[in-house]
Amino acid sequence: SPASPLTINGTDPLITFENGESPHWQVGFENTQSDRFVFYDNNASAYRMVIDSSGNVGIGTNSPASKLHISGNSDISDEDCQLIIDDVDGSAGSRIPSIQFRSVTGGTTTNQGRIRATDTQGMILSGSSAQGDDLVVQAGNVGIGTTAPTANLVVTQSGSTPTSGFSSSQWQGCFVNTGTTT
């Protein structure tokens, strides 16, 4: 008797979706391929998504090497190797999707860093657990210690106006191009 209302049994139990007489998609378990769950596109003869026996998910790859492994070919199009995160909240200032990096040790979660968009088509990199705006890239300008860089490179000390923030001995090995030859 079946173990549930629908039981599919076999060496590689797959559900096949057809359009007329030709199969288009197959979804199911491939026992002969290292115990993995697959979404197979018959028209393209390609695995579109694979979940392996370790729980790794592969999109565009048959052998995912991590919890989420996306593989594509940017020579085909930029979108073929792209991860898109949509923030659908349309209120002003809230369109800031991000990727968060955290560590969880002994039940304690610590924020390690973040890559975040801004509401003005920029990017913020944060490498501290405080999630401050450590590096801001916006409209071709780079800011360190500021959320709104107004020049090619703006370095600001906390709570002050733009300044180098370095003593003359700390500038050793740095190059500043002022646009003049004198």
Protein backbone atom coordinates (compact mmCIF):
# COMPACT_ATOMS: atom_id res chain seq x y z
CA SER A 1 0.00 0.00 0.00
CA PRO A 2 1.23 3.56 -0.58
CA ALA A 3 2.99 5.39 2.25
CA SER A 4 1.15 8.65 1.41
CA PRO A 5 -1.76 9.81 -0.81
CA LEU A 6 0.62 9.91 -3.79
CA THR A 7 3.59 7.58 -3.98
CA ILE A 8 5.85 7.37 -7.02
CA ASN A 9 8.10 4.35 -6.97
CA GLY A 10 10.96 3.24 -9.18
CA THR A 11 14.68 3.46 -9.69
CA ASP A 12 14.46 7.15 -10.69
CA PRO A 13 10.92 8.25 -9.79
CA LEU A 14 10.19 11.36 -11.87
CA ILE A 15 7.02 13.27 -12.70
CA THR A 16 6.95 14.20 -16.38
CA PHE A 17 5.05 17.23 -17.68
CA GLU A 18 4.08 17.00 -21.35
CA ASN A 19 2.67 19.32 -23.94
CA GLY A 20 0.75 17.10 -26.31
CA GLU A 21 3.03 14.12 -26.80
CA SER A 22 6.47 15.58 -26.07
CA PRO A 23 7.84 15.81 -22.52
CA HIS A 24 8.86 19.33 -21.45
CA TRP A 25 9.83 19.05 -17.79
CA GLN A 26 10.71 16.32 -15.34
CA VAL A 27 10.72 16.79 -11.60
CA GLY A 28 11.73 14.20 -9.09
CA PHE A 29 14.30 11.99 -7.47
CA GLU A 30 17.30 10.56 -9.32
CA ASN A 31 18.57 7.64 -7.30
CA THR A 32 21.11 6.65 -9.97
CA GLN A 33 22.67 10.16 -9.87
CA SER A 34 23.85 10.26 -6.24
CA ASP A 35 20.42 10.67 -4.63
CA ARG A 36 19.43 14.10 -5.85
CA PHE A 37 16.15 15.92 -6.48
CA VAL A 38 16.06 17.53 -9.92
CA PHE A 39 14.17 19.93 -12.16
CA TYR A 40 15.04 18.84 -15.71
CA ASP A 41 14.19 20.82 -18.88
CA ASN A 42 13.69 18.27 -21.68
CA ASN A 43 13.53 20.96 -24.38
CA ALA A 44 17.03 22.21 -23.53
CA SER A 45 18.31 18.83 -22.29
CA ALA A 46 19.50 20.61 -19.16
CA TYR A 47 19.16 20.35 -15.41
CA ARG A 48 17.74 23.71 -14.28
CA MET A 49 17.98 23.03 -10.54
CA VAL A 50 19.47 20.23 -8.47
CA ILE A 51 19.22 19.57 -4.74
CA ASP A 52 21.85 17.04 -3.72
CA SER A 53 21.79 14.62 -0.78
CA SER A 54 23.75 17.13 1.36
CA GLY A 55 21.05 19.78 0.88
CA ASN A 56 23.16 21.87 -1.52
CA VAL A 57 21.12 23.66 -4.19
CA GLY A 58 22.54 24.12 -7.67
CA ILE A 59 21.10 26.43 -10.29
CA GLY A 60 22.82 25.99 -13.63
CA THR A 61 25.10 23.29 -12.21
CA ASN A 62 24.58 19.57 -11.71
CA SER A 63 27.06 19.38 -8.81
CA PRO A 64 26.47 22.20 -6.29
CA ALA A 65 29.56 22.84 -4.16
CA SER A 66 27.83 24.93 -1.46
CA LYS A 67 24.43 25.59 0.09
CA LEU A 68 23.58 27.78 -2.93
CA HIS A 69 25.67 27.42 -6.08
CA ILE A 70 24.67 29.46 -9.14
CA SER A 71 26.49 28.84 -12.40
CA GLY A 72 26.04 30.59 -15.73
CA ASN A 73 27.87 32.06 -18.70
CA SER A 74 28.29 35.84 -18.78
CA ASP A 75 29.30 35.59 -22.44
CA ILE A 76 25.64 34.72 -23.13
CA SER A 77 24.32 37.67 -21.09
CA ASP A 78 25.05 39.47 -17.83
CA GLU A 79 21.81 38.08 -16.45
CA ASP A 80 23.04 34.51 -16.98
CA CYS A 81 25.45 34.96 -14.01
CA GLN A 82 23.39 37.35 -11.93
CA LEU A 83 21.66 37.16 -8.59
CA ILE A 84 18.80 39.65 -8.31
CA ILE A 85 17.33 40.78 -5.01
CA ASP A 86 14.17 42.90 -5.35
CA ASP A 87 12.93 45.15 -2.57
CA VAL A 88 9.29 45.72 -3.49
CA ASP A 89 8.57 48.33 -0.79
CA GLY A 90 8.03 51.50 -2.81
CA SER A 91 8.24 54.05 0.01
CA ALA A 92 11.01 56.63 -0.26
CA GLY A 93 14.37 55.66 1.21
CA SER A 94 13.45 52.06 1.86
CA ARG A 95 14.81 50.51 -1.33
CA ILE A 96 17.97 49.09 0.18
CA PRO A 97 18.27 45.33 -0.43
CA SER A 98 21.34 43.70 1.04
CA ILE A 99 23.35 40.55 1.54
CA GLN A 100 24.24 39.88 5.17
CA PHE A 101 27.23 37.83 6.36
CA ARG A 102 26.93 36.41 9.88
CA SER A 103 28.53 33.81 12.12
CA VAL A 104 26.58 31.70 14.58
CA THR A 105 28.62 30.21 17.43
CA GLY A 106 27.14 28.59 20.49
CA GLY A 107 23.71 30.10 19.75
CA THR A 108 25.12 33.63 19.44
CA THR A 109 24.73 35.38 16.07
CA THR A 110 27.35 37.99 15.15
CA ASN A 111 27.06 40.25 12.11
CA GLN A 112 30.35 40.05 10.20
CA GLY A 113 29.65 42.26 7.20
CA ARG A 114 27.12 43.43 4.67
CA ILE A 115 26.83 44.45 1.05
CA ARG A 116 23.92 46.84 0.68
CA ALA A 117 22.42 48.95 -2.05
CA THR A 118 21.46 52.57 -1.41
CA ASP A 119 18.31 54.36 -2.43
CA THR A 120 20.36 56.40 -4.92
CA GLN A 121 21.88 53.53 -6.94
CA GLY A 122 25.06 53.19 -4.93
CA MET A 123 26.64 50.42 -2.91
CA ILE A 124 27.80 50.22 0.69
CA LEU A 125 30.25 47.66 2.06
CA SER A 126 30.31 47.18 5.79
CA GLY A 127 32.95 45.03 7.41
CA SER A 128 32.15 45.60 11.05
CA SER A 129 29.71 44.02 13.46
CA ALA A 130 28.27 47.49 14.09
CA GLN A 131 27.09 47.52 10.44
CA GLY A 132 28.37 51.03 9.85
CA ASP A 133 28.90 52.32 6.35
CA ASP A 134 32.60 51.51 6.04
CA LEU A 135 32.94 51.97 2.28
CA VAL A 136 30.41 53.74 0.04
CA VAL A 137 30.54 53.67 -3.76
CA GLN A 138 28.10 56.08 -5.35
CA ALA A 139 27.99 57.82 -8.76
CA GLY A 140 31.69 57.08 -9.37
CA ASN A 141 32.74 58.46 -5.99
CA VAL A 142 34.17 56.47 -3.08
CA GLY A 143 33.63 57.42 0.53
CA ILE A 144 35.23 56.08 3.67
CA GLY A 145 33.52 57.25 6.84
CA THR A 146 30.81 59.10 4.90
CA THR A 147 27.52 58.00 3.42
CA ALA A 148 27.53 60.65 0.67
CA PRO A 149 30.92 61.06 -1.05
CA THR A 150 31.05 64.29 -3.08
CA ALA A 151 34.42 63.70 -4.79
CA ASN A 152 36.34 60.78 -6.31
CA LEU A 153 37.65 59.84 -2.85
CA VAL A 154 36.39 61.26 0.43
CA VAL A 155 37.87 60.08 3.74
CA THR A 156 36.07 61.42 6.80
CA GLN A 157 36.75 60.98 10.47
CA SER A 158 33.65 60.19 12.50
CA GLY A 159 31.64 63.33 13.21
CA SER A 160 33.88 65.72 11.27
CA THR A 161 34.05 67.36 7.87
CA PRO A 162 35.94 65.63 5.03
CA THR A 163 39.61 65.39 5.88
CA SER A 164 42.50 63.11 5.18
CA GLY A 165 42.55 61.96 8.79
CA PHE A 166 46.24 61.08 8.54
CA SER A 167 49.37 62.71 9.89
CA SER A 168 52.19 63.31 7.41
CA SER A 169 54.01 60.14 8.54
CA GLN A 170 50.90 58.05 7.79
CA TRP A 171 50.84 59.26 4.15
CA GLN A 172 54.15 57.52 3.44
CA GLY A 173 53.68 55.24 0.41
CA CYS A 174 50.45 56.96 -0.66
CA PHE A 175 50.09 58.75 -4.00
CA VAL A 176 47.75 61.68 -4.49
CA ASN A 177 47.24 63.00 -8.03
CA THR A 178 46.22 66.65 -7.88
CA GLY A 179 46.15 67.02 -11.66
CA THR A 180 49.19 69.32 -11.79
CA THR A 181 52.81 68.59 -12.64
CA THR A 182 54.33 70.98 -10.12
